[in-house]
Amino acid sequence: MINITVPSPDVTITKQESPQLSHIYGFTDFHLISREVGGIFMFYNDRDELLFVGKARKIRPRIKKHFEDSVSVMKDHRNEVTKIEVCNIEDPYEREIYETYLIHEYRAKYNVEKVFYK
């Protein structure tokens, strides 16, 4: 049996109730997420249920793309996201393993491409 331990989040940002100067669905702390570091990110709702897991070579632009892009899997569910957790992981193979593991272990609601369960 393979034992996978997901690292603790390096950054956690939460949606503000009455955001000042936020143009991204109530999130004002995007500056805390690195632009140049690779890793995985997780979107949660207000009940702390995992909605989506993603990976990227550069995390901040990728997360923003999910909130701005018209073809994102999250385009119809953006308002549900209340918390974003980020783990900085430089190795692309490790990112792939952690992403796949989290999708299946926590049954991410809107990840549809890497799902082995139905």
N, C-alpha and C. Protein backbone atom coordinates (compact mmCIF):
# COMPACT_ATOMS: atom_id res chain seq x y z
N MET A 1 0.84 -1.18 0.00
CA MET A 1 0.00 0.00 0.00
C MET A 1 0.89 1.25 0.00
N ILE A 2 0.50 2.23 -0.76
CA ILE A 2 1.24 3.48 -0.84
C ILE A 2 0.65 4.45 0.18
N ASN A 3 1.52 5.08 0.95
CA ASN A 3 1.09 6.05 1.94
C ASN A 3 1.44 7.45 1.44
N ILE A 4 0.43 8.28 1.20
CA ILE A 4 0.64 9.64 0.72
C ILE A 4 0.24 10.62 1.81
N THR A 5 1.15 11.52 2.14
CA THR A 5 0.86 12.56 3.12
C THR A 5 0.89 13.90 2.39
N VAL A 6 -0.26 14.51 2.29
CA VAL A 6 -0.36 15.80 1.61
C VAL A 6 0.22 16.88 2.53
N PRO A 7 1.05 17.75 1.99
CA PRO A 7 1.63 18.80 2.84
C PRO A 7 0.56 19.78 3.33
N SER A 8 0.85 20.42 4.44
CA SER A 8 -0.04 21.45 4.96
C SER A 8 -0.02 22.64 4.00
N PRO A 9 -1.14 23.35 3.90
CA PRO A 9 -1.19 24.50 3.00
C PRO A 9 -0.18 25.58 3.39
N ASP A 10 0.47 26.15 2.39
CA ASP A 10 1.39 27.26 2.61
C ASP A 10 0.62 28.57 2.73
N VAL A 11 -0.51 28.66 2.03
CA VAL A 11 -1.34 29.86 2.04
C VAL A 11 -2.80 29.45 2.05
N THR A 12 -3.60 30.12 2.87
CA THR A 12 -5.05 29.94 2.88
C THR A 12 -5.68 31.33 2.81
N ILE A 13 -6.55 31.53 1.83
CA ILE A 13 -7.26 32.79 1.76
C ILE A 13 -8.76 32.51 1.79
N THR A 14 -9.50 33.42 2.39
CA THR A 14 -10.94 33.23 2.52
C THR A 14 -11.68 34.41 1.89
N LYS A 15 -12.89 34.13 1.50
CA LYS A 15 -13.74 35.14 0.88
C LYS A 15 -14.17 36.14 1.95
N GLN A 16 -14.13 37.41 1.61
CA GLN A 16 -14.55 38.47 2.53
C GLN A 16 -16.04 38.74 2.34
N GLU A 17 -16.74 39.01 3.44
CA GLU A 17 -18.17 39.31 3.36
C GLU A 17 -18.44 40.61 2.62
N SER A 18 -17.74 41.66 2.99
CA SER A 18 -17.88 42.97 2.35
C SER A 18 -16.51 43.42 1.85
N PRO A 19 -16.07 42.84 0.75
CA PRO A 19 -14.70 43.12 0.31
C PRO A 19 -14.50 44.55 -0.16
N GLN A 20 -13.37 45.09 0.19
CA GLN A 20 -12.95 46.39 -0.30
C GLN A 20 -11.92 46.14 -1.41
N LEU A 21 -12.09 46.76 -2.54
CA LEU A 21 -11.13 46.66 -3.64
C LEU A 21 -10.92 45.23 -4.14
N SER A 22 -11.96 44.45 -4.21
CA SER A 22 -11.82 43.09 -4.73
C SER A 22 -12.64 42.95 -6.01
N HIS A 23 -11.99 42.48 -7.04
CA HIS A 23 -12.71 42.23 -8.28
C HIS A 23 -12.80 40.74 -8.58
N ILE A 24 -12.34 39.92 -7.65
CA ILE A 24 -12.35 38.48 -7.88
C ILE A 24 -13.22 37.78 -6.83
N TYR A 25 -14.52 37.88 -7.00
CA TYR A 25 -15.48 37.14 -6.19
C TYR A 25 -15.26 37.23 -4.68
N GLY A 26 -14.86 38.40 -4.19
CA GLY A 26 -14.72 38.62 -2.76
C GLY A 26 -13.39 38.23 -2.15
N PHE A 27 -12.45 37.75 -2.95
CA PHE A 27 -11.13 37.39 -2.43
C PHE A 27 -10.20 38.60 -2.57
N THR A 28 -9.62 39.02 -1.46
CA THR A 28 -8.76 40.22 -1.47
C THR A 28 -7.30 39.90 -1.21
N ASP A 29 -6.96 38.69 -0.84
CA ASP A 29 -5.59 38.35 -0.44
C ASP A 29 -4.81 37.56 -1.49
N PHE A 30 -5.11 37.75 -2.76
CA PHE A 30 -4.38 37.03 -3.80
C PHE A 30 -2.89 37.34 -3.78
N HIS A 31 -2.51 38.50 -3.26
CA HIS A 31 -1.10 38.85 -3.21
C HIS A 31 -0.29 37.90 -2.32
N LEU A 32 -0.95 37.14 -1.47
CA LEU A 32 -0.27 36.17 -0.61
C LEU A 32 0.17 34.92 -1.38
N ILE A 33 -0.44 34.68 -2.53
CA ILE A 33 -0.12 33.51 -3.35
C ILE A 33 0.99 33.89 -4.33
N SER A 34 2.02 33.09 -4.38
CA SER A 34 3.17 33.37 -5.24
C SER A 34 2.79 33.31 -6.72
N ARG A 35 3.39 34.20 -7.49
CA ARG A 35 3.20 34.19 -8.95
C ARG A 35 4.14 33.22 -9.64
N GLU A 36 5.27 32.96 -9.02
CA GLU A 36 6.34 32.23 -9.70
C GLU A 36 6.52 30.79 -9.25
N VAL A 37 5.79 30.35 -8.25
CA VAL A 37 5.99 29.02 -7.68
C VAL A 37 4.89 28.08 -8.16
N GLY A 38 5.26 26.83 -8.40
CA GLY A 38 4.30 25.81 -8.79
C GLY A 38 3.69 25.15 -7.57
N GLY A 39 2.56 24.49 -7.77
CA GLY A 39 1.93 23.79 -6.66
C GLY A 39 0.53 23.32 -6.98
N ILE A 40 -0.21 23.01 -5.93
CA ILE A 40 -1.60 22.59 -6.06
C ILE A 40 -2.47 23.57 -5.29
N PHE A 41 -3.73 23.66 -5.70
CA PHE A 41 -4.68 24.53 -5.02
C PHE A 41 -5.99 23.79 -4.85
N MET A 42 -6.71 24.14 -3.80
CA MET A 42 -7.97 23.51 -3.48
C MET A 42 -9.02 24.58 -3.20
N PHE A 43 -10.20 24.43 -3.82
CA PHE A 43 -11.32 25.33 -3.58
C PHE A 43 -12.30 24.62 -2.65
N TYR A 44 -12.75 25.34 -1.61
CA TYR A 44 -13.72 24.79 -0.65
C TYR A 44 -14.95 25.68 -0.59
N ASN A 45 -16.09 25.10 -0.19
CA ASN A 45 -17.29 25.89 0.02
C ASN A 45 -17.43 26.25 1.50
N ASP A 46 -18.55 26.86 1.87
CA ASP A 46 -18.74 27.31 3.25
C ASP A 46 -18.94 26.17 4.24
N ARG A 47 -19.18 24.96 3.75
CA ARG A 47 -19.30 23.78 4.62
C ARG A 47 -17.99 23.00 4.66
N ASP A 48 -16.93 23.60 4.14
CA ASP A 48 -15.58 23.01 4.09
C ASP A 48 -15.54 21.74 3.24
N GLU A 49 -16.40 21.65 2.25
CA GLU A 49 -16.38 20.54 1.30
C GLU A 49 -15.45 20.90 0.15
N LEU A 50 -14.66 19.94 -0.27
CA LEU A 50 -13.73 20.17 -1.37
C LEU A 50 -14.49 20.23 -2.69
N LEU A 51 -14.36 21.37 -3.37
CA LEU A 51 -15.06 21.55 -4.64
C LEU A 51 -14.19 21.21 -5.84
N PHE A 52 -12.92 21.63 -5.78
CA PHE A 52 -12.06 21.46 -6.94
C PHE A 52 -10.59 21.45 -6.51
N VAL A 53 -9.81 20.62 -7.17
CA VAL A 53 -8.36 20.56 -6.95
C VAL A 53 -7.69 20.81 -8.29
N GLY A 54 -6.65 21.64 -8.28
CA GLY A 54 -5.92 21.90 -9.51
C GLY A 54 -4.43 22.01 -9.23
N LYS A 55 -3.66 22.01 -10.30
CA LYS A 55 -2.21 22.15 -10.17
C LYS A 55 -1.74 23.12 -11.24
N ALA A 56 -0.57 23.71 -11.00
CA ALA A 56 -0.04 24.65 -11.97
C ALA A 56 1.44 24.90 -11.74
N ARG A 57 2.14 25.29 -12.81
CA ARG A 57 3.53 25.69 -12.69
C ARG A 57 3.62 27.05 -12.01
N LYS A 58 2.63 27.90 -12.23
CA LYS A 58 2.53 29.21 -11.59
C LYS A 58 1.11 29.33 -11.04
N ILE A 59 1.00 29.27 -9.73
CA ILE A 59 -0.31 29.08 -9.10
C ILE A 59 -1.25 30.28 -9.21
N ARG A 60 -0.77 31.48 -8.85
CA ARG A 60 -1.69 32.62 -8.80
C ARG A 60 -2.39 32.88 -10.14
N PRO A 61 -1.67 32.93 -11.27
CA PRO A 61 -2.37 33.15 -12.53
C PRO A 61 -3.39 32.05 -12.85
N ARG A 62 -3.06 30.82 -12.46
CA ARG A 62 -3.97 29.70 -12.74
C ARG A 62 -5.25 29.82 -11.93
N ILE A 63 -5.14 30.18 -10.67
CA ILE A 63 -6.33 30.34 -9.83
C ILE A 63 -7.19 31.47 -10.37
N LYS A 64 -6.58 32.60 -10.70
CA LYS A 64 -7.33 33.73 -11.24
C LYS A 64 -8.06 33.34 -12.52
N LYS A 65 -7.42 32.50 -13.32
CA LYS A 65 -8.04 32.07 -14.57
C LYS A 65 -9.36 31.32 -14.31
N HIS A 66 -9.42 30.56 -13.23
CA HIS A 66 -10.65 29.85 -12.90
C HIS A 66 -11.78 30.82 -12.57
N PHE A 67 -11.45 32.00 -12.10
CA PHE A 67 -12.47 32.99 -11.76
C PHE A 67 -12.80 33.92 -12.92
N GLU A 68 -11.99 33.92 -13.96
CA GLU A 68 -12.20 34.85 -15.07
C GLU A 68 -12.53 34.17 -16.39
N ASP A 69 -12.11 32.94 -16.56
CA ASP A 69 -12.22 32.24 -17.84
C ASP A 69 -13.64 31.73 -18.08
N SER A 70 -14.09 31.83 -19.32
CA SER A 70 -15.44 31.38 -19.65
C SER A 70 -15.51 29.88 -19.92
N VAL A 71 -14.37 29.20 -19.99
CA VAL A 71 -14.38 27.76 -20.23
C VAL A 71 -13.95 26.95 -19.01
N SER A 72 -13.73 27.59 -17.88
CA SER A 72 -13.33 26.89 -16.67
C SER A 72 -14.44 25.96 -16.18
N VAL A 73 -14.03 24.85 -15.62
CA VAL A 73 -14.97 23.92 -15.00
C VAL A 73 -15.75 24.62 -13.88
N MET A 74 -15.13 25.61 -13.27
CA MET A 74 -15.73 26.32 -12.14
C MET A 74 -16.61 27.50 -12.54
N LYS A 75 -16.77 27.76 -13.83
CA LYS A 75 -17.45 28.98 -14.26
C LYS A 75 -18.86 29.13 -13.70
N ASP A 76 -19.59 28.05 -13.51
CA ASP A 76 -20.95 28.13 -12.95
C ASP A 76 -20.98 27.96 -11.44
N HIS A 77 -19.83 27.77 -10.82
CA HIS A 77 -19.77 27.47 -9.39
C HIS A 77 -18.86 28.42 -8.62
N ARG A 78 -18.46 29.51 -9.23
CA ARG A 78 -17.51 30.44 -8.61
C ARG A 78 -18.03 31.03 -7.31
N ASN A 79 -19.31 31.27 -7.24
CA ASN A 79 -19.88 31.87 -6.03
C ASN A 79 -19.87 30.92 -4.84
N GLU A 80 -19.72 29.63 -5.10
CA GLU A 80 -19.67 28.65 -4.01
C GLU A 80 -18.34 28.67 -3.26
N VAL A 81 -17.28 29.12 -3.91
CA VAL A 81 -15.94 29.07 -3.33
C VAL A 81 -15.81 30.12 -2.22
N THR A 82 -15.49 29.64 -1.00
CA THR A 82 -15.31 30.56 0.13
C THR A 82 -13.90 30.47 0.72
N LYS A 83 -13.14 29.44 0.33
CA LYS A 83 -11.78 29.29 0.84
C LYS A 83 -10.91 28.66 -0.24
N ILE A 84 -9.68 29.16 -0.33
CA ILE A 84 -8.69 28.61 -1.26
C ILE A 84 -7.44 28.27 -0.46
N GLU A 85 -7.00 27.02 -0.59
CA GLU A 85 -5.75 26.59 0.03
C GLU A 85 -4.73 26.30 -1.05
N VAL A 86 -3.47 26.68 -0.78
CA VAL A 86 -2.40 26.50 -1.75
C VAL A 86 -1.22 25.80 -1.08
N CYS A 87 -0.71 24.78 -1.75
CA CYS A 87 0.52 24.09 -1.31
C CYS A 87 1.56 24.30 -2.40
N ASN A 88 2.68 24.90 -2.04
CA ASN A 88 3.77 25.11 -2.99
C ASN A 88 4.54 23.81 -3.17
N ILE A 89 4.52 23.31 -4.40
CA ILE A 89 5.19 22.05 -4.73
C ILE A 89 5.85 22.25 -6.09
N GLU A 90 7.15 22.30 -6.12
CA GLU A 90 7.88 22.58 -7.36
C GLU A 90 7.94 21.39 -8.31
N ASP A 91 8.05 20.19 -7.79
CA ASP A 91 8.21 19.02 -8.64
C ASP A 91 6.90 18.68 -9.37
N PRO A 92 6.91 18.65 -10.70
CA PRO A 92 5.67 18.39 -11.44
C PRO A 92 5.10 17.00 -11.20
N TYR A 93 5.94 16.01 -10.94
CA TYR A 93 5.44 14.66 -10.67
C TYR A 93 4.72 14.61 -9.33
N GLU A 94 5.27 15.29 -8.34
CA GLU A 94 4.62 15.35 -7.04
C GLU A 94 3.29 16.08 -7.14
N ARG A 95 3.22 17.17 -7.91
CA ARG A 95 1.95 17.89 -8.09
C ARG A 95 0.89 16.97 -8.67
N GLU A 96 1.28 16.20 -9.66
CA GLU A 96 0.34 15.27 -10.31
C GLU A 96 -0.18 14.23 -9.31
N ILE A 97 0.72 13.68 -8.52
CA ILE A 97 0.33 12.66 -7.53
C ILE A 97 -0.60 13.25 -6.49
N TYR A 98 -0.24 14.40 -5.93
CA TYR A 98 -1.08 15.02 -4.90
C TYR A 98 -2.45 15.41 -5.45
N GLU A 99 -2.47 15.96 -6.65
CA GLU A 99 -3.76 16.36 -7.24
C GLU A 99 -4.67 15.15 -7.40
N THR A 100 -4.16 14.09 -8.01
CA THR A 100 -4.96 12.88 -8.23
C THR A 100 -5.41 12.27 -6.90
N TYR A 101 -4.51 12.23 -5.94
CA TYR A 101 -4.84 11.67 -4.62
C TYR A 101 -5.96 12.47 -3.96
N LEU A 102 -5.85 13.79 -3.93
CA LEU A 102 -6.87 14.63 -3.28
C LEU A 102 -8.23 14.51 -3.96
N ILE A 103 -8.23 14.46 -5.28
CA ILE A 103 -9.50 14.33 -6.02
C ILE A 103 -10.24 13.08 -5.58
N HIS A 104 -9.51 11.98 -5.43
CA HIS A 104 -10.15 10.71 -5.11
C HIS A 104 -10.38 10.51 -3.63
N GLU A 105 -9.46 10.93 -2.82
CA GLU A 105 -9.59 10.74 -1.37
C GLU A 105 -10.73 11.58 -0.80
N TYR A 106 -10.87 12.80 -1.30
CA TYR A 106 -11.88 13.72 -0.75
C TYR A 106 -13.04 13.95 -1.71
N ARG A 107 -13.06 13.22 -2.82
CA ARG A 107 -14.14 13.28 -3.80
C ARG A 107 -14.49 14.71 -4.20
N ALA A 108 -13.52 15.39 -4.77
CA ALA A 108 -13.71 16.78 -5.21
C ALA A 108 -14.91 16.85 -6.16
N LYS A 109 -15.82 17.71 -5.82
CA LYS A 109 -17.13 17.77 -6.48
C LYS A 109 -17.08 18.11 -7.97
N TYR A 110 -16.22 19.02 -8.38
CA TYR A 110 -16.23 19.48 -9.76
C TYR A 110 -15.03 19.04 -10.59
N ASN A 111 -14.20 18.17 -10.07
CA ASN A 111 -13.15 17.57 -10.89
C ASN A 111 -13.79 16.41 -11.65
N VAL A 112 -13.85 16.51 -12.95
CA VAL A 112 -14.52 15.48 -13.72
C VAL A 112 -13.57 14.69 -14.61
N GLU A 113 -12.40 15.25 -14.89
CA GLU A 113 -11.50 14.61 -15.85
C GLU A 113 -10.67 13.48 -15.27
N LYS A 114 -10.31 13.54 -14.02
CA LYS A 114 -9.44 12.52 -13.42
C LYS A 114 -10.18 11.57 -12.49
N VAL A 115 -11.46 11.46 -12.65
CA VAL A 115 -12.27 10.68 -11.74
C VAL A 115 -12.30 9.21 -12.15
N PHE A 116 -11.93 8.34 -11.23
CA PHE A 116 -11.99 6.91 -11.46
C PHE A 116 -13.24 6.30 -10.83
N TYR A 117 -13.89 7.04 -9.98
CA TYR A 117 -15.13 6.58 -9.31
C TYR A 117 -16.31 7.27 -9.96
N LYS A 118 -17.45 6.68 -9.83
CA LYS A 118 -18.71 7.30 -10.32
C LYS A 118 -19.80 7.05 -9.33
